[in-house]
PDB file of N, CA and C in Angstrom:
ATOM      1  N   MET A   1     -28.289   0.476  12.564  1.00  0.00           N
ATOM      2  CA  MET A   1     -28.774   0.179  11.650  1.00  0.00           C
ATOM      3  C   MET A   1     -30.127  -0.865  10.862  1.00  0.00           C
ATOM      4  N   GLN A   2     -31.234  -0.654  10.397  1.00  0.00           N
ATOM      5  CA  GLN A   2     -32.071  -1.406  11.166  1.00  0.00           C
ATOM      6  C   GLN A   2     -32.195  -1.607   9.244  1.00  0.00           C
ATOM      7  N   PRO A   3     -32.948  -2.471   8.985  1.00  0.00           N
ATOM      8  CA  PRO A   3     -33.002  -2.460   6.942  1.00  0.00           C
ATOM      9  C   PRO A   3     -34.466  -1.415   6.939  1.00  0.00           C
ATOM     10  N   ALA A   4     -35.159  -1.439   7.596  1.00  0.00           N
ATOM     11  CA  ALA A   4     -36.845  -0.120   7.554  1.00  0.00           C
ATOM     12  C   ALA A   4     -35.742   1.394   7.089  1.00  0.00           C
ATOM     13  N   ASP A   5     -34.714   1.607   7.565  1.00  0.00           N
ATOM     14  CA  ASP A   5     -33.993   3.080   7.439  1.00  0.00           C
ATOM     15  C   ASP A   5     -33.448   2.868   6.387  1.00  0.00           C
ATOM     16  N   TYR A   6     -33.800   4.372   5.368  1.00  0.00           N
ATOM     17  CA  TYR A   6     -34.113   4.375   4.855  1.00  0.00           C
ATOM     18  C   TYR A   6     -32.618   5.279   3.355  1.00  0.00           C
ATOM     19  N   PHE A   7     -31.478   4.276   4.563  1.00  0.00           N
ATOM     20  CA  PHE A   7     -29.855   4.671   3.989  1.00  0.00           C
ATOM     21  C   PHE A   7     -29.891   2.806   3.943  1.00  0.00           C
ATOM     22  N   ALA A   8     -29.800   1.783   4.476  1.00  0.00           N
ATOM     23  CA  ALA A   8     -29.643   1.150   4.470  1.00  0.00           C
ATOM     24  C   ALA A   8     -29.514  -0.405   3.356  1.00  0.00           C
ATOM     25  N   GLY A   9     -30.182   0.360   2.556  1.00  0.00           N
ATOM     26  CA  GLY A   9     -29.575  -0.367   0.827  1.00  0.00           C
ATOM     27  C   GLY A   9     -28.519   0.834   0.429  1.00  0.00           C
ATOM     28  N   PRO A  10     -27.848   1.597   0.005  1.00  0.00           N
ATOM     29  CA  PRO A  10     -27.225   2.142  -0.001  1.00  0.00           C
ATOM     30  C   PRO A  10     -25.840   0.627   0.404  1.00  0.00           C
ATOM     31  N   VAL A  11     -25.988   1.988   1.902  1.00  0.00           N
ATOM     32  CA  VAL A  11     -24.620   0.597   2.860  1.00  0.00           C
ATOM     33  C   VAL A  11     -24.856   0.015   2.446  1.00  0.00           C
ATOM     34  N   THR A  12     -25.744  -1.504   2.228  1.00  0.00           N
ATOM     35  CA  THR A  12     -25.382  -2.633   2.731  1.00  0.00           C
ATOM     36  C   THR A  12     -25.035  -2.776   1.532  1.00  0.00           C
ATOM     37  N   TYR A  13     -24.908  -1.021   0.091  1.00  0.00           N
ATOM     38  CA  TYR A  13     -24.366  -1.713  -1.452  1.00  0.00           C
ATOM     39  C   TYR A  13     -22.542  -1.579  -1.550  1.00  0.00           C
ATOM     40  N   LEU A  14     -22.760  -0.890  -1.218  1.00  0.00           N
ATOM     41  CA  LEU A  14     -21.406  -0.238  -0.829  1.00  0.00           C
ATOM     42  C   LEU A  14     -20.918  -1.679   0.225  1.00  0.00           C
ATOM     43  N   ALA A  15     -21.272  -2.148   1.256  1.00  0.00           N
ATOM     44  CA  ALA A  15     -20.327  -3.061   1.797  1.00  0.00           C
ATOM     45  C   ALA A  15     -20.322  -4.037   1.491  1.00  0.00           C
ATOM     46  N   CYS A  16     -21.453  -4.926   0.107  1.00  0.00           N
ATOM     47  CA  CYS A  16     -21.590  -6.310  -0.347  1.00  0.00           C
ATOM     48  C   CYS A  16     -19.875  -5.872  -1.240  1.00  0.00           C
ATOM     49  N   ARG A  17     -19.776  -4.566  -1.287  1.00  0.00           N
ATOM     50  CA  ARG A  17     -18.645  -4.505  -2.607  1.00  0.00           C
ATOM     51  C   ARG A  17     -17.731  -4.437  -1.796  1.00  0.00           C
ATOM     52  N   GLY A  18     -16.990  -4.410  -0.522  1.00  0.00           N
ATOM     53  CA  GLY A  18     -15.968  -4.030  -0.265  1.00  0.00           C
ATOM     54  C   GLY A  18     -15.794  -2.442   0.749  1.00  0.00           C
ATOM     55  N   VAL A  19     -16.544  -0.987  -0.371  1.00  0.00           N
ATOM     56  CA  VAL A  19     -16.548   0.366   0.243  1.00  0.00           C
ATOM     57  C   VAL A  19     -16.161   0.419   0.830  1.00  0.00           C
ATOM     58  N   ILE A  20     -16.742  -0.102   1.809  1.00  0.00           N
ATOM     59  CA  ILE A  20     -16.928  -0.106   3.498  1.00  0.00           C
ATOM     60  C   ILE A  20     -17.015  -1.381   4.149  1.00  0.00           C
ATOM     61  N   SER A  21     -17.175  -0.937   5.378  1.00  0.00           N
ATOM     62  CA  SER A  21     -17.006  -2.456   6.117  1.00  0.00           C
ATOM     63  C   SER A  21     -17.221  -2.476   7.737  1.00  0.00           C
ATOM     64  N   GLY A  22     -17.492  -0.620   7.960  1.00  0.00           N
ATOM     65  CA  GLY A  22     -18.441  -0.702   9.225  1.00  0.00           C
ATOM     66  C   GLY A  22     -17.264  -1.020  10.350  1.00  0.00           C
ATOM     67  N   TYR A  23     -17.991  -1.099  11.786  1.00  0.00           N
ATOM     68  CA  TYR A  23     -17.070  -0.780  12.511  1.00  0.00           C
ATOM     69  C   TYR A  23     -16.544  -2.553  13.025  1.00  0.00           C
ATOM     70  N   ALA A  24     -16.031  -2.706  13.438  1.00  0.00           N
ATOM     71  CA  ALA A  24     -14.879  -4.240  14.391  1.00  0.00           C
ATOM     72  C   ALA A  24     -16.333  -5.219  15.122  1.00  0.00           C
ATOM     73  N   ASP A  25     -17.443  -4.660  15.300  1.00  0.00           N
ATOM     74  CA  ASP A  25     -18.671  -5.727  15.710  1.00  0.00           C
ATOM     75  C   ASP A  25     -19.735  -5.974  14.087  1.00  0.00           C
ATOM     76  N   GLY A  26     -19.096  -5.937  13.488  1.00  0.00           N
ATOM     77  CA  GLY A  26     -19.941  -5.595  12.342  1.00  0.00           C
ATOM     78  C   GLY A  26     -21.166  -4.770  11.893  1.00  0.00           C
ATOM     79  N   SER A  27     -21.391  -4.026  12.813  1.00  0.00           N
ATOM     80  CA  SER A  27     -22.435  -2.676  12.826  1.00  0.00           C
ATOM     81  C   SER A  27     -21.823  -1.818  11.779  1.00  0.00           C
ATOM     82  N   PHE A  28     -22.885  -1.249  11.492  1.00  0.00           N
ATOM     83  CA  PHE A  28     -22.543   0.467  10.928  1.00  0.00           C
ATOM     84  C   PHE A  28     -23.313   1.460  11.857  1.00  0.00           C
ATOM     85  N   ARG A  29     -22.267   2.813  11.912  1.00  0.00           N
ATOM     86  CA  ARG A  29     -23.229   3.480  12.403  1.00  0.00           C
ATOM     87  C   ARG A  29     -23.380   5.130  12.273  1.00  0.00           C
ATOM     88  N   PRO A  30     -24.638   5.326  10.851  1.00  0.00           N
ATOM     89  CA  PRO A  30     -24.136   5.855  10.165  1.00  0.00           C
ATOM     90  C   PRO A  30     -24.728   7.330  10.700  1.00  0.00           C
ATOM     91  N   TYR A  31     -24.624   7.207  11.853  1.00  0.00           N
ATOM     92  CA  TYR A  31     -25.003   9.199  12.010  1.00  0.00           C
ATOM     93  C   TYR A  31     -23.649   9.521  13.093  1.00  0.00           C
ATOM     94  N   GLN A  32     -23.166   8.624  13.011  1.00  0.00           N
ATOM     95  CA  GLN A  32     -21.441   8.284  14.213  1.00  0.00           C
ATOM     96  C   GLN A  32     -20.782   9.828  12.790  1.00  0.00           C
ATOM     97  N   PRO A  33     -19.806  10.952  13.720  1.00  0.00           N
ATOM     98  CA  PRO A  33     -19.213  11.605  12.151  1.00  0.00           C
ATOM     99  C   PRO A  33     -17.918  10.521  11.257  1.00  0.00           C
ATOM    100  N   THR A  34     -17.026  10.947  10.948  1.00  0.00           N
ATOM    101  CA  THR A  34     -16.546   9.823  10.264  1.00  0.00           C
ATOM    102  C   THR A  34     -15.229  11.187   9.199  1.00  0.00           C
ATOM    103  N   THR A  35     -14.105  10.522   9.400  1.00  0.00           N
ATOM    104  CA  THR A  35     -12.732  11.494   9.132  1.00  0.00           C
ATOM    105  C   THR A  35     -12.451  11.419   7.491  1.00  0.00           C
ATOM    106  N   ARG A  36     -12.223  12.128   7.823  1.00  0.00           N
ATOM    107  CA  ARG A  36     -11.154  12.907   6.265  1.00  0.00           C
ATOM    108  C   ARG A  36     -11.123  11.427   5.521  1.00  0.00           C
ATOM    109  N   GLY A  37     -10.122  10.753   6.853  1.00  0.00           N
ATOM    110  CA  GLY A  37      -9.560   9.039   5.151  1.00  0.00           C
ATOM    111  C   GLY A  37     -10.767   8.396   5.161  1.00  0.00           C
ATOM    112  N   GLN A  38     -11.681   8.096   5.820  1.00  0.00           N
ATOM    113  CA  GLN A  38     -12.647   7.732   6.119  1.00  0.00           C
ATOM    114  C   GLN A  38     -13.445   7.673   4.441  1.00  0.00           C
ATOM    115  N   GLN A  39     -13.562   9.004   4.665  1.00  0.00           N
ATOM    116  CA  GLN A  39     -14.242   9.804   3.209  1.00  0.00           C
ATOM    117  C   GLN A  39     -13.939   9.384   2.340  1.00  0.00           C
ATOM    118  N   VAL A  40     -12.070  10.059   1.732  1.00  0.00           N
ATOM    119  CA  VAL A  40     -11.172   9.502   0.729  1.00  0.00           C
ATOM    120  C   VAL A  40     -11.699   8.249   1.029  1.00  0.00           C
ATOM    121  N   LYS A  41     -11.087   7.019   1.674  1.00  0.00           N
ATOM    122  CA  LYS A  41     -11.725   5.861   1.454  1.00  0.00           C
ATOM    123  C   LYS A  41     -11.838   4.798   0.454  1.00  0.00           C
ATOM    124  N   ILE A  42     -13.949   5.309   0.725  1.00  0.00           N
ATOM    125  CA  ILE A  42     -15.670   5.715  -0.030  1.00  0.00           C
ATOM    126  C   ILE A  42     -15.377   5.918  -0.820  1.00  0.00           C
ATOM    127  N   VAL A  43     -14.879   7.680  -1.122  1.00  0.00           N
ATOM    128  CA  VAL A  43     -14.960   7.435  -2.638  1.00  0.00           C
ATOM    129  C   VAL A  43     -13.789   6.602  -3.540  1.00  0.00           C
ATOM    130  N   VAL A  44     -12.489   6.540  -3.293  1.00  0.00           N
ATOM    131  CA  VAL A  44     -11.810   5.563  -3.807  1.00  0.00           C
ATOM    132  C   VAL A  44     -11.819   3.741  -3.865  1.00  0.00           C
ATOM    133  N   GLY A  45     -12.585   3.436  -3.149  1.00  0.00           N
ATOM    134  CA  GLY A  45     -13.500   2.616  -3.437  1.00  0.00           C
ATOM    135  C   GLY A  45     -14.481   2.166  -3.947  1.00  0.00           C
ATOM    136  N   GLY A  46     -15.663   3.764  -4.008  1.00  0.00           N
ATOM    137  CA  GLY A  46     -16.508   3.236  -5.308  1.00  0.00           C
ATOM    138  C   GLY A  46     -16.332   3.870  -6.234  1.00  0.00           C
ATOM    139  N   PHE A  47     -15.398   4.041  -5.965  1.00  0.00           N
ATOM    140  CA  PHE A  47     -14.562   4.218  -7.777  1.00  0.00           C
ATOM    141  C   PHE A  47     -13.793   3.813  -8.269  1.00  0.00           C
ATOM    142  N   ALA A  48     -13.771   2.581  -7.678  1.00  0.00           N
ATOM    143  CA  ALA A  48     -12.198   1.982  -8.203  1.00  0.00           C
ATOM    144  C   ALA A  48     -11.099   2.374  -7.806  1.00  0.00           C
ATOM    145  N   LEU A  49     -10.695   3.647  -8.000  1.00  0.00           N
ATOM    146  CA  LEU A  49      -9.654   4.021  -7.948  1.00  0.00           C
ATOM    147  C   LEU A  49      -8.546   3.757  -8.095  1.00  0.00           C
ATOM    148  N   PRO A  50      -7.268   3.004  -9.355  1.00  0.00           N
ATOM    149  CA  PRO A  50      -5.559   2.285  -8.491  1.00  0.00           C
ATOM    150  C   PRO A  50      -5.511   2.908  -7.851  1.00  0.00           C
ATOM    151  N   ALA A  51      -4.803   2.480  -7.088  1.00  0.00           N
ATOM    152  CA  ALA A  51      -3.750   1.977  -5.451  1.00  0.00           C
ATOM    153  C   ALA A  51      -2.542   3.144  -6.264  1.00  0.00           C
ATOM    154  N   ALA A  52      -2.589   3.575  -5.196  1.00  0.00           N
ATOM    155  CA  ALA A  52      -1.270   5.184  -6.011  1.00  0.00           C
ATOM    156  C   ALA A  52      -0.473   5.365  -4.910  1.00  0.00           C
ATOM    157  N   THR A  53       0.890   4.480  -4.630  1.00  0.00           N
ATOM    158  CA  THR A  53       1.627   5.081  -3.987  1.00  0.00           C
ATOM    159  C   THR A  53       3.223   5.110  -4.295  1.00  0.00           C
ATOM    160  N   PRO A  54       3.752   6.812  -4.103  1.00  0.00           N
ATOM    161  CA  PRO A  54       4.611   7.499  -4.990  1.00  0.00           C
ATOM    162  C   PRO A  54       5.821   6.687  -4.169  1.00  0.00           C
ATOM    163  N   PRO A  55       7.353   6.330  -4.484  1.00  0.00           N
ATOM    164  CA  PRO A  55       7.829   5.345  -3.985  1.00  0.00           C
ATOM    165  C   PRO A  55       8.327   6.386  -2.946  1.00  0.00           C
ATOM    166  N   GLY A  56       8.774   5.565  -1.766  1.00  0.00           N
ATOM    167  CA  GLY A  56      10.122   5.788  -0.918  1.00  0.00           C
ATOM    168  C   GLY A  56      10.205   7.574  -0.478  1.00  0.00           C
ATOM    169  N   GLY A  57       9.153   7.626   0.828  1.00  0.00           N
ATOM    170  CA  GLY A  57       8.620   8.535   1.166  1.00  0.00           C
ATOM    171  C   GLY A  57       8.939   9.444   0.654  1.00  0.00           C
ATOM    172  N   GLY A  58       7.520   9.487  -0.926  1.00  0.00           N
ATOM    173  CA  GLY A  58       7.587  10.760  -1.860  1.00  0.00           C
ATOM    174  C   GLY A  58       5.858  11.036  -1.717  1.00  0.00           C
ATOM    175  N   TYR A  59       6.007  11.165   0.180  1.00  0.00           N
ATOM    176  CA  TYR A  59       4.132  11.665  -0.258  1.00  0.00           C
ATOM    177  C   TYR A  59       3.674  12.736  -0.454  1.00  0.00           C
ATOM    178  N   THR A  60       2.022  13.191  -0.836  1.00  0.00           N
ATOM    179  CA  THR A  60       1.908  14.030  -0.974  1.00  0.00           C
ATOM    180  C   THR A  60       1.693  15.340  -0.631  1.00  0.00           C
ATOM    181  N   PHE A  61       1.060  14.870   0.796  1.00  0.00           N
ATOM    182  CA  PHE A  61       0.771  15.727   1.721  1.00  0.00           C
ATOM    183  C   PHE A  61       1.988  15.113   3.319  1.00  0.00           C
ATOM    184  N   ALA A  62       2.207  16.119   3.814  1.00  0.00           N
ATOM    185  CA  ALA A  62       2.895  16.577   4.769  1.00  0.00           C
ATOM    186  C   ALA A  62       2.146  16.021   6.564  1.00  0.00           C
ATOM    187  N   ASP A  63       0.761  16.281   6.235  1.00  0.00           N
ATOM    188  CA  ASP A  63      -0.088  15.419   7.396  1.00  0.00           C
ATOM    189  C   ASP A  63      -0.131  14.467   7.367  1.00  0.00           C
ATOM    190  N   VAL A  64       0.115  13.352   5.297  1.00  0.00           N
ATOM    191  CA  VAL A  64      -0.315  12.198   5.822  1.00  0.00           C
ATOM    192  C   VAL A  64       0.457  11.072   5.493  1.00  0.00           C
ATOM    193  N   PRO A  65       0.950  11.095   6.334  1.00  0.00           N
ATOM    194  CA  PRO A  65       2.534   9.858   5.636  1.00  0.00           C
ATOM    195  C   PRO A  65       2.706   8.399   5.354  1.00  0.00           C
ATOM    196  N   GLU A  66       3.397   7.868   4.915  1.00  0.00           N
ATOM    197  CA  GLU A  66       3.278   6.733   4.521  1.00  0.00           C
ATOM    198  C   GLU A  66       2.805   5.600   5.038  1.00  0.00           C
ATOM    199  N   ALA A  67       2.740   5.708   6.944  1.00  0.00           N
ATOM    200  CA  ALA A  67       3.018   4.733   8.137  1.00  0.00           C
ATOM    201  C   ALA A  67       1.139   5.288   8.416  1.00  0.00           C
ATOM    202  N   ALA A  68       0.228   6.743   8.158  1.00  0.00           N
ATOM    203  CA  ALA A  68      -1.240   6.180   8.323  1.00  0.00           C
ATOM    204  C   ALA A  68      -1.461   5.354   7.320  1.00  0.00           C
ATOM    205  N   PRO A  69      -3.477   5.538   8.218  1.00  0.00           N
ATOM    206  CA  PRO A  69      -3.887   4.527   7.823  1.00  0.00           C
ATOM    207  C   PRO A  69      -4.697   4.342   6.731  1.00  0.00           C
ATOM    208  N   PHE A  70      -4.314   5.415   6.302  1.00  0.00           N
ATOM    209  CA  PHE A  70      -5.838   6.152   4.884  1.00  0.00           C
ATOM    210  C   PHE A  70      -4.484   5.733   4.375  1.00  0.00           C
ATOM    211  N   TYR A  71      -2.896   5.902   4.160  1.00  0.00           N
ATOM    212  CA  TYR A  71      -1.960   7.052   3.064  1.00  0.00           C
ATOM    213  C   TYR A  71      -2.735   6.197   1.078  1.00  0.00           C
ATOM    214  N   PRO A  72      -2.718   5.181   0.937  1.00  0.00           N
ATOM    215  CA  PRO A  72      -3.203   4.302  -0.059  1.00  0.00           C
ATOM    216  C   PRO A  72      -4.404   5.663  -0.678  1.00  0.00           C
ATOM    217  N   TYR A  73      -5.021   5.607  -0.059  1.00  0.00           N
ATOM    218  CA  TYR A  73      -6.355   5.637  -0.783  1.00  0.00           C
ATOM    219  C   TYR A  73      -6.340   7.142  -1.082  1.00  0.00           C
ATOM    220  N   ILE A  74      -5.094   7.852   0.054  1.00  0.00           N
ATOM    221  CA  ILE A  74      -5.220   9.432  -0.290  1.00  0.00           C
ATOM    222  C   ILE A  74      -4.499   9.914  -1.528  1.00  0.00           C
ATOM    223  N   GLU A  75      -3.191   9.108  -1.582  1.00  0.00           N
ATOM    224  CA  GLU A  75      -2.804   9.459  -2.590  1.00  0.00           C
ATOM    225  C   GLU A  75      -3.209   9.228  -3.564  1.00  0.00           C
ATOM    226  N   ALA A  76      -3.584   7.811  -4.075  1.00  0.00           N
ATOM    227  CA  ALA A  76      -5.014   7.478  -5.123  1.00  0.00           C
ATOM    228  C   ALA A  76      -5.992   8.348  -5.233  1.00  0.00           C
ATOM    229  N   ALA A  77      -6.374   8.698  -4.090  1.00  0.00           N
ATOM    230  CA  ALA A  77      -7.299   9.950  -4.427  1.00  0.00           C
ATOM    231  C   ALA A  77      -6.753  11.029  -5.168  1.00  0.00           C
ATOM    232  N   ALA A  78      -5.477  11.832  -4.848  1.00  0.00           N
ATOM    233  CA  ALA A  78      -5.227  12.801  -5.269  1.00  0.00           C
ATOM    234  C   ALA A  78      -4.198  13.180  -6.898  1.00  0.00           C
ATOM    235  N   ARG A  79      -3.596  11.474  -6.922  1.00  0.00           N
ATOM    236  CA  ARG A  79      -3.266  10.647  -8.622  1.00  0.00           C
ATOM    237  C   ARG A  79      -4.332  11.166  -9.192  1.00  0.00           C
ATOM    238  N   ALA A  80      -5.911  11.146  -8.970  1.00  0.00           N
ATOM    239  CA  ALA A  80      -6.886  11.206  -9.955  1.00  0.00           C
ATOM    240  C   ALA A  80      -7.397  12.485  -9.800  1.00  0.00           C
ATOM    241  N   GLY A  81      -6.705  12.882  -8.797  1.00  0.00           N
ATOM    242  CA  GLY A  81      -7.612  14.600  -9.170  1.00  0.00           C
ATOM    243  C   GLY A  81      -9.086  14.783  -7.743  1.00  0.00           C
ATOM    244  N   VAL A  82      -8.836  14.085  -7.206  1.00  0.00           N
ATOM    245  CA  VAL A  82     -10.632  13.624  -6.448  1.00  0.00           C
ATOM    246  C   VAL A  82     -10.351  14.992  -5.484  1.00  0.00           C
ATOM    247  N   VAL A  83      -8.861  15.098  -4.400  1.00  0.00           N
ATOM    248  CA  VAL A  83      -8.422  16.170  -3.889  1.00  0.00           C
ATOM    249  C   VAL A  83      -7.663  16.763  -4.127  1.00  0.00           C
ATOM    250  N   SER A  84      -6.980  17.448  -3.020  1.00  0.00           N
ATOM    251  CA  SER A  84      -5.932  17.821  -3.725  1.00  0.00           C
ATOM    252  C   SER A  84      -6.001  19.110  -1.975  1.00  0.00           C
ATOM    253  N   GLY A  85      -4.758  20.389  -1.981  1.00  0.00           N
ATOM    254  CA  GLY A  85      -4.363  20.695  -0.725  1.00  0.00           C
ATOM    255  C   GLY A  85      -2.830  20.589  -1.158  1.00  0.00           C
ATOM    256  N   TYR A  86      -2.531  21.479   0.240  1.00  0.00           N
ATOM    257  CA  TYR A  86      -0.521  22.158   0.181  1.00  0.00           C
ATOM    258  C   TYR A  86      -0.306  20.870   0.156  1.00  0.00           C
ATOM    259  N   THR A  87       0.400  20.781  -0.530  1.00  0.00           N
ATOM    260  CA  THR A  87       1.631  19.644  -0.727  1.00  0.00           C
ATOM    261  C   THR A  87       3.417  20.518  -0.087  1.00  0.00           C
ATOM    262  N   CYS A  88       3.827  18.697   0.258  1.00  0.00           N
ATOM    263  CA  CYS A  88       4.657  18.763   1.061  1.00  0.00           C
ATOM    264  C   CYS A  88       5.743  19.692   0.757  1.00  0.00           C
TER     265      CYS A  88
END
C-alpha cells in the first residue's frame, strides 16, 4: 500500500484503531481476497460490537466451532444480528 492509494486513509484509520492488523510483516494487501471470517472481524471491530461467546459448545454455526480463529467475532456478529445462516 502506498500513501497515495485512494484507500490508504481508511486502511490507516482502521489499523490505528485495532480493527485490522495486516500481515505478519506489517504490510496491507488490499487487492488480496479476504475470508468471511476476516470480513466479519472487520465489521465487528468497526462497529465495536461486544464480544459474545456462548457457554461450552453452544456455538451458533456448525462450521465455526470454538477452536476457529474468528469464532468470537462470528458469535458477536450473530448475536448482533449482523450475520445469519444455518444453526447447529
